[in-house]
């Protein structure tokens, strides 16, 4: 099955863009590798237990921001 999205070079104009949603967003399972690229300014022992669902307020605000981004990117031909 051929993908409907493809990229052939770095200089042609952008033709498609997907904007997702934050619904059901979660903090990742915390281990040393996750800590090394997500929470580099925090001590591992201070953040080792934060995995799980994000606060609904953060999810709602993120979805609002993503909706605004999608509207900015929407171009009609």
PDB file of N, CA and C in Angstrom:
ATOM      1  N   UNK A   1       0.839  -1.184   0.000  1.00  0.00           N
ATOM      2  CA  UNK A   1       0.000   0.000   0.000  1.00  0.00           C
ATOM      3  C   UNK A   1       0.884   1.247   0.000  1.00  0.00           C
ATOM      4  N   UNK A   2       0.631   2.153  -0.901  1.00  0.00           N
ATOM      5  CA  UNK A   2       1.421   3.364  -1.031  1.00  0.00           C
ATOM      6  C   UNK A   2       0.883   4.447  -0.095  1.00  0.00           C
ATOM      7  N   UNK A   3       1.789   5.139   0.601  1.00  0.00           N
ATOM      8  CA  UNK A   3       1.402   6.233   1.489  1.00  0.00           C
ATOM      9  C   UNK A   3       0.953   7.438   0.674  1.00  0.00           C
ATOM     10  N   UNK A   4      -0.034   8.169   1.172  1.00  0.00           N
ATOM     11  CA  UNK A   4      -0.494   9.374   0.477  1.00  0.00           C
ATOM     12  C   UNK A   4       0.374  10.577   0.818  1.00  0.00           C
ATOM     13  N   UNK A   5       1.273  10.423   1.782  1.00  0.00           N
ATOM     14  CA  UNK A   5       2.167  11.508   2.176  1.00  0.00           C
ATOM     15  C   UNK A   5       3.586  11.092   1.826  1.00  0.00           C
ATOM     16  N   UNK A   6       4.297  11.991   1.173  1.00  0.00           N
ATOM     17  CA  UNK A   6       5.688  11.678   0.849  1.00  0.00           C
ATOM     18  C   UNK A   6       6.502  12.962   0.768  1.00  0.00           C
ATOM     19  N   UNK A   7       7.795  12.806   0.891  1.00  0.00           N
ATOM     20  CA  UNK A   7       8.717  13.929   0.797  1.00  0.00           C
ATOM     21  C   UNK A   7       9.865  13.497  -0.097  1.00  0.00           C
ATOM     22  N   UNK A   8      10.186  14.310  -1.101  1.00  0.00           N
ATOM     23  CA  UNK A   8      11.230  13.933  -2.042  1.00  0.00           C
ATOM     24  C   UNK A   8      12.463  14.825  -1.958  1.00  0.00           C
ATOM     25  N   UNK A   9      12.317  16.002  -1.366  1.00  0.00           N
ATOM     26  CA  UNK A   9      13.473  16.874  -1.238  1.00  0.00           C
ATOM     27  C   UNK A   9      13.184  17.941  -0.174  1.00  0.00           C
ATOM     28  N   UNK A  10      14.149  18.784   0.073  1.00  0.00           N
ATOM     29  CA  UNK A  10      14.028  19.794   1.121  1.00  0.00           C
ATOM     30  C   UNK A  10      13.699  21.189   0.602  1.00  0.00           C
ATOM     31  N   UNK A  11      13.475  21.347  -0.698  1.00  0.00           N
ATOM     32  CA  UNK A  11      13.312  22.696  -1.227  1.00  0.00           C
ATOM     33  C   UNK A  11      11.979  22.943  -1.923  1.00  0.00           C
ATOM     34  N   UNK A  12      11.203  21.928  -2.208  1.00  0.00           N
ATOM     35  CA  UNK A  12       9.882  22.168  -2.803  1.00  0.00           C
ATOM     36  C   UNK A  12       8.925  22.743  -1.758  1.00  0.00           C
ATOM     37  N   UNK A  13       7.904  23.465  -2.191  1.00  0.00           N
ATOM     38  CA  UNK A  13       6.938  24.024  -1.238  1.00  0.00           C
ATOM     39  C   UNK A  13       6.202  22.916  -0.475  1.00  0.00           C
ATOM     40  N   UNK A  14       5.860  23.207   0.763  1.00  0.00           N
ATOM     41  CA  UNK A  14       5.082  22.287   1.579  1.00  0.00           C
ATOM     42  C   UNK A  14       3.705  22.129   0.958  1.00  0.00           C
ATOM     43  N   UNK A  15       3.272  20.895   0.772  1.00  0.00           N
ATOM     44  CA  UNK A  15       1.980  20.645   0.155  1.00  0.00           C
ATOM     45  C   UNK A  15       0.940  20.148   1.153  1.00  0.00           C
ATOM     46  N   UNK A  16       1.379  19.462   2.188  1.00  0.00           N
ATOM     47  CA  UNK A  16       0.453  18.934   3.180  1.00  0.00           C
ATOM     48  C   UNK A  16       1.047  19.066   4.572  1.00  0.00           C
ATOM     49  N   UNK A  17       0.165  19.199   5.533  1.00  0.00           N
ATOM     50  CA  UNK A  17       0.598  19.265   6.917  1.00  0.00           C
ATOM     51  C   UNK A  17      -0.514  18.687   7.784  1.00  0.00           C
ATOM     52  N   UNK A  18      -0.170  17.830   8.714  1.00  0.00           N
ATOM     53  CA  UNK A  18      -1.145  17.246   9.626  1.00  0.00           C
ATOM     54  C   UNK A  18      -0.986  17.888  10.998  1.00  0.00           C
ATOM     55  N   UNK A  19      -2.093  18.279  11.598  1.00  0.00           N
ATOM     56  CA  UNK A  19      -2.089  18.818  12.955  1.00  0.00           C
ATOM     57  C   UNK A  19      -2.905  17.855  13.804  1.00  0.00           C
ATOM     58  N   UNK A  20      -2.296  17.343  14.848  1.00  0.00           N
ATOM     59  CA  UNK A  20      -2.955  16.365  15.711  1.00  0.00           C
ATOM     60  C   UNK A  20      -3.744  17.020  16.824  1.00  0.00           C
ATOM     61  N   UNK A  21      -4.102  16.216  17.807  1.00  0.00           N
ATOM     62  CA  UNK A  21      -4.820  16.698  18.982  1.00  0.00           C
ATOM     63  C   UNK A  21      -4.079  16.214  20.234  1.00  0.00           C
ATOM     64  N   UNK A  22      -4.344  16.876  21.348  1.00  0.00           N
ATOM     65  CA  UNK A  22      -3.679  16.528  22.603  1.00  0.00           C
ATOM     66  C   UNK A  22      -4.545  15.637  23.492  1.00  0.00           C
ATOM     67  N   UNK A  23      -5.753  15.318  23.060  1.00  0.00           N
ATOM     68  CA  UNK A  23      -6.650  14.485  23.852  1.00  0.00           C
ATOM     69  C   UNK A  23      -5.950  13.176  24.232  1.00  0.00           C
ATOM     70  N   UNK A  24      -6.080  12.795  25.472  1.00  0.00           N
ATOM     71  CA  UNK A  24      -5.453  11.585  26.035  1.00  0.00           C
ATOM     72  C   UNK A  24      -3.934  11.698  26.133  1.00  0.00           C
ATOM     73  N   UNK A  25      -3.404  12.927  26.137  1.00  0.00           N
ATOM     74  CA  UNK A  25      -1.959  13.114  26.274  1.00  0.00           C
ATOM     75  C   UNK A  25      -1.514  12.611  27.651  1.00  0.00           C
ATOM     76  N   UNK A  26      -0.329  12.028  27.669  1.00  0.00           N
ATOM     77  CA  UNK A  26       0.213  11.459  28.898  1.00  0.00           C
ATOM     78  C   UNK A  26       1.685  11.833  29.031  1.00  0.00           C
ATOM     79  N   UNK A  27       2.156  11.885  30.261  1.00  0.00           N
ATOM     80  CA  UNK A  27       3.594  11.955  30.473  1.00  0.00           C
ATOM     81  C   UNK A  27       4.151  10.581  30.123  1.00  0.00           C
ATOM     82  N   UNK A  28       5.303  10.518  29.481  1.00  0.00           N
ATOM     83  CA  UNK A  28       5.858   9.218  29.088  1.00  0.00           C
ATOM     84  C   UNK A  28       6.309   8.422  30.305  1.00  0.00           C
ATOM     85  N   UNK A  29       6.478   7.120  30.114  1.00  0.00           N
ATOM     86  CA  UNK A  29       7.068   6.295  31.161  1.00  0.00           C
ATOM     87  C   UNK A  29       8.456   6.844  31.446  1.00  0.00           C
ATOM     88  N   UNK A  30       8.710   7.113  32.702  1.00  0.00           N
ATOM     89  CA  UNK A  30       9.953   7.787  33.050  1.00  0.00           C
ATOM     90  C   UNK A  30      11.050   6.765  33.340  1.00  0.00           C
ATOM     91  N   UNK A  31      12.107   6.855  32.571  1.00  0.00           N
ATOM     92  CA  UNK A  31      13.323   6.105  32.841  1.00  0.00           C
ATOM     93  C   UNK A  31      14.492   7.027  32.526  1.00  0.00           C
ATOM     94  N   UNK A  32      15.658   6.552  32.653  1.00  0.00           N
ATOM     95  CA  UNK A  32      16.831   7.435  32.466  1.00  0.00           C
ATOM     96  C   UNK A  32      16.926   7.981  31.036  1.00  0.00           C
ATOM     97  N   UNK A  33      16.522   7.195  30.037  1.00  0.00           N
ATOM     98  CA  UNK A  33      16.610   7.693  28.661  1.00  0.00           C
ATOM     99  C   UNK A  33      15.574   8.783  28.409  1.00  0.00           C
ATOM    100  N   UNK A  34      14.351   8.619  28.923  1.00  0.00           N
ATOM    101  CA  UNK A  34      13.332   9.659  28.783  1.00  0.00           C
ATOM    102  C   UNK A  34      13.785  10.924  29.495  1.00  0.00           C
ATOM    103  N   UNK A  35      14.356  10.750  30.663  1.00  0.00           N
ATOM    104  CA  UNK A  35      14.853  11.899  31.420  1.00  0.00           C
ATOM    105  C   UNK A  35      15.912  12.661  30.638  1.00  0.00           C
ATOM    106  N   UNK A  36      16.751  11.956  29.907  1.00  0.00           N
ATOM    107  CA  UNK A  36      17.866  12.597  29.208  1.00  0.00           C
ATOM    108  C   UNK A  36      17.427  13.511  28.070  1.00  0.00           C
ATOM    109  N   UNK A  37      16.217  13.318  27.514  1.00  0.00           N
ATOM    110  CA  UNK A  37      15.802  14.220  26.431  1.00  0.00           C
ATOM    111  C   UNK A  37      14.520  14.990  26.722  1.00  0.00           C
ATOM    112  N   UNK A  38      13.788  14.683  27.792  1.00  0.00           N
ATOM    113  CA  UNK A  38      12.550  15.420  28.092  1.00  0.00           C
ATOM    114  C   UNK A  38      12.688  16.372  29.276  1.00  0.00           C
ATOM    115  N   UNK A  39      13.463  15.976  30.268  1.00  0.00           N
ATOM    116  CA  UNK A  39      13.503  16.731  31.519  1.00  0.00           C
ATOM    117  C   UNK A  39      14.945  16.968  31.957  1.00  0.00           C
ATOM    118  N   UNK A  40      15.734  17.481  31.075  1.00  0.00           N
ATOM    119  CA  UNK A  40      17.168  17.612  31.339  1.00  0.00           C
ATOM    120  C   UNK A  40      17.497  18.594  32.456  1.00  0.00           C
ATOM    121  N   UNK A  41      16.589  19.514  32.764  1.00  0.00           N
ATOM    122  CA  UNK A  41      16.875  20.498  33.815  1.00  0.00           C
ATOM    123  C   UNK A  41      16.427  20.033  35.190  1.00  0.00           C
ATOM    124  N   UNK A  42      15.787  18.883  35.271  1.00  0.00           N
ATOM    125  CA  UNK A  42      15.288  18.356  36.542  1.00  0.00           C
ATOM    126  C   UNK A  42      16.115  17.158  36.983  1.00  0.00           C
ATOM    127  N   UNK A  43      16.233  16.978  38.293  1.00  0.00           N
ATOM    128  CA  UNK A  43      16.899  15.785  38.809  1.00  0.00           C
ATOM    129  C   UNK A  43      15.988  14.583  38.596  1.00  0.00           C
ATOM    130  N   UNK A  44      16.578  13.464  38.209  1.00  0.00           N
ATOM    131  CA  UNK A  44      15.799  12.257  37.906  1.00  0.00           C
ATOM    132  C   UNK A  44      14.929  11.848  39.087  1.00  0.00           C
ATOM    133  N   UNK A  45      15.442  11.882  40.283  1.00  0.00           N
ATOM    134  CA  UNK A  45      14.674  11.457  41.456  1.00  0.00           C
ATOM    135  C   UNK A  45      13.450  12.346  41.689  1.00  0.00           C
ATOM    136  N   UNK A  46      13.493  13.596  41.251  1.00  0.00           N
ATOM    137  CA  UNK A  46      12.363  14.516  41.443  1.00  0.00           C
ATOM    138  C   UNK A  46      11.221  14.275  40.460  1.00  0.00           C
ATOM    139  N   UNK A  47      11.484  13.632  39.337  1.00  0.00           N
ATOM    140  CA  UNK A  47      10.454  13.472  38.308  1.00  0.00           C
ATOM    141  C   UNK A  47      10.173  12.018  37.962  1.00  0.00           C
ATOM    142  N   UNK A  48      10.771  11.084  38.675  1.00  0.00           N
ATOM    143  CA  UNK A  48      10.643   9.666  38.321  1.00  0.00           C
ATOM    144  C   UNK A  48       9.214   9.144  38.451  1.00  0.00           C
ATOM    145  N   UNK A  49       8.355   9.788  39.220  1.00  0.00           N
ATOM    146  CA  UNK A  49       6.994   9.282  39.408  1.00  0.00           C
ATOM    147  C   UNK A  49       5.909  10.076  38.709  1.00  0.00           C
ATOM    148  N   UNK A  50       6.227  10.893  37.716  1.00  0.00           N
ATOM    149  CA  UNK A  50       5.208  11.768  37.113  1.00  0.00           C
ATOM    150  C   UNK A  50       4.479  11.167  35.930  1.00  0.00           C
ATOM    151  N   UNK A  51       4.777   9.936  35.542  1.00  0.00           N
ATOM    152  CA  UNK A  51       4.137   9.374  34.348  1.00  0.00           C
ATOM    153  C   UNK A  51       2.632   9.249  34.556  1.00  0.00           C
ATOM    154  N   UNK A  52       1.904   9.261  33.449  1.00  0.00           N
ATOM    155  CA  UNK A  52       0.451   9.123  33.509  1.00  0.00           C
ATOM    156  C   UNK A  52      -0.243  10.277  32.819  1.00  0.00           C
ATOM    157  N   UNK A  53      -1.539  10.386  33.061  1.00  0.00           N
ATOM    158  CA  UNK A  53      -2.351  11.404  32.392  1.00  0.00           C
ATOM    159  C   UNK A  53      -1.921  12.815  32.763  1.00  0.00           C
ATOM    160  N   UNK A  54      -1.991  13.705  31.779  1.00  0.00           N
ATOM    161  CA  UNK A  54      -1.740  15.114  32.032  1.00  0.00           C
ATOM    162  C   UNK A  54      -3.012  15.754  32.569  1.00  0.00           C
ATOM    163  N   UNK A  55      -2.852  16.875  33.224  1.00  0.00           N
ATOM    164  CA  UNK A  55      -3.981  17.620  33.758  1.00  0.00           C
ATOM    165  C   UNK A  55      -4.912  18.030  32.607  1.00  0.00           C
ATOM    166  N   UNK A  56      -6.204  17.905  32.798  1.00  0.00           N
ATOM    167  CA  UNK A  56      -7.176  18.207  31.742  1.00  0.00           C
ATOM    168  C   UNK A  56      -7.069  19.657  31.270  1.00  0.00           C
ATOM    169  N   UNK A  57      -6.723  20.567  32.161  1.00  0.00           N
ATOM    170  CA  UNK A  57      -6.563  21.979  31.790  1.00  0.00           C
ATOM    171  C   UNK A  57      -5.455  22.137  30.745  1.00  0.00           C
ATOM    172  N   UNK A  58      -4.363  21.406  30.917  1.00  0.00           N
ATOM    173  CA  UNK A  58      -3.258  21.461  29.955  1.00  0.00           C
ATOM    174  C   UNK A  58      -3.691  20.890  28.619  1.00  0.00           C
ATOM    175  N   UNK A  59      -4.432  19.783  28.646  1.00  0.00           N
ATOM    176  CA  UNK A  59      -4.928  19.171  27.408  1.00  0.00           C
ATOM    177  C   UNK A  59      -5.868  20.123  26.687  1.00  0.00           C
ATOM    178  N   UNK A  60      -6.789  20.749  27.423  1.00  0.00           N
ATOM    179  CA  UNK A  60      -7.737  21.683  26.807  1.00  0.00           C
ATOM    180  C   UNK A  60      -7.031  22.882  26.176  1.00  0.00           C
ATOM    181  N   UNK A  61      -6.062  23.445  26.894  1.00  0.00           N
ATOM    182  CA  UNK A  61      -5.310  24.581  26.350  1.00  0.00           C
ATOM    183  C   UNK A  61      -4.498  24.169  25.127  1.00  0.00           C
ATOM    184  N   UNK A  62      -3.928  22.989  25.163  1.00  0.00           N
ATOM    185  CA  UNK A  62      -3.152  22.501  24.020  1.00  0.00           C
ATOM    186  C   UNK A  62      -4.040  22.292  22.804  1.00  0.00           C
ATOM    187  N   UNK A  63      -5.212  21.712  22.998  1.00  0.00           N
ATOM    188  CA  UNK A  63      -6.140  21.528  21.879  1.00  0.00           C
ATOM    189  C   UNK A  63      -6.584  22.862  21.302  1.00  0.00           C
ATOM    190  N   UNK A  64      -6.788  23.850  22.151  1.00  0.00           N
ATOM    191  CA  UNK A  64      -7.150  25.189  21.674  1.00  0.00           C
ATOM    192  C   UNK A  64      -6.020  25.770  20.812  1.00  0.00           C
ATOM    193  N   UNK A  65      -4.786  25.636  21.284  1.00  0.00           N
ATOM    194  CA  UNK A  65      -3.631  26.129  20.517  1.00  0.00           C
ATOM    195  C   UNK A  65      -3.482  25.378  19.195  1.00  0.00           C
ATOM    196  N   UNK A  66      -3.704  24.075  19.213  1.00  0.00           N
ATOM    197  CA  UNK A  66      -3.601  23.285  17.976  1.00  0.00           C
ATOM    198  C   UNK A  66      -4.693  23.659  16.977  1.00  0.00           C
ATOM    199  N   UNK A  67      -5.894  23.960  17.466  1.00  0.00           N
ATOM    200  CA  UNK A  67      -6.971  24.425  16.576  1.00  0.00           C
ATOM    201  C   UNK A  67      -6.595  25.743  15.910  1.00  0.00           C
ATOM    202  N   UNK A  68      -6.001  26.649  16.688  1.00  0.00           N
ATOM    203  CA  UNK A  68      -5.570  27.935  16.121  1.00  0.00           C
ATOM    204  C   UNK A  68      -4.473  27.731  15.078  1.00  0.00           C
ATOM    205  N   UNK A  69      -3.527  26.833  15.369  1.00  0.00           N
ATOM    206  CA  UNK A  69      -2.466  26.536  14.406  1.00  0.00           C
ATOM    207  C   UNK A  69      -3.053  25.979  13.114  1.00  0.00           C
ATOM    208  N   UNK A  70      -4.008  25.068  13.229  1.00  0.00           N
ATOM    209  CA  UNK A  70      -4.633  24.479  12.039  1.00  0.00           C
ATOM    210  C   UNK A  70      -5.324  25.553  11.200  1.00  0.00           C
ATOM    211  N   UNK A  71      -5.959  26.524  11.850  1.00  0.00           N
ATOM    212  CA  UNK A  71      -6.632  27.609  11.120  1.00  0.00           C
ATOM    213  C   UNK A  71      -5.625  28.495  10.407  1.00  0.00           C
ATOM    214  N   UNK A  72      -4.473  28.730  11.039  1.00  0.00           N
ATOM    215  CA  UNK A  72      -3.425  29.541  10.408  1.00  0.00           C
ATOM    216  C   UNK A  72      -2.862  28.820   9.186  1.00  0.00           C
ATOM    217  N   UNK A  73      -2.721  27.510   9.293  1.00  0.00           N
ATOM    218  CA  UNK A  73      -2.136  26.739   8.191  1.00  0.00           C
ATOM    219  C   UNK A  73      -3.114  26.475   7.060  1.00  0.00           C
ATOM    220  N   UNK A  74      -4.410  26.609   7.309  1.00  0.00           N
ATOM    221  CA  UNK A  74      -5.430  26.290   6.307  1.00  0.00           C
ATOM    222  C   UNK A  74      -5.348  27.281   5.161  1.00  0.00           C
ATOM    223  N   UNK A  75      -5.089  26.790   3.981  1.00  0.00           N
ATOM    224  CA  UNK A  75      -5.017  27.624   2.778  1.00  0.00           C
ATOM    225  C   UNK A  75      -5.950  27.019   1.753  1.00  0.00           C
ATOM    226  N   UNK A  76      -6.831  27.814   1.224  1.00  0.00           N
ATOM    227  CA  UNK A  76      -7.729  27.330   0.181  1.00  0.00           C
ATOM    228  C   UNK A  76      -7.204  27.781  -1.167  1.00  0.00           C
ATOM    229  N   UNK A  77      -7.278  26.889  -2.111  1.00  0.00           N
ATOM    230  CA  UNK A  77      -6.797  27.223  -3.456  1.00  0.00           C
ATOM    231  C   UNK A  77      -7.901  27.825  -4.290  1.00  0.00           C
TER     232      UNK A  77
END
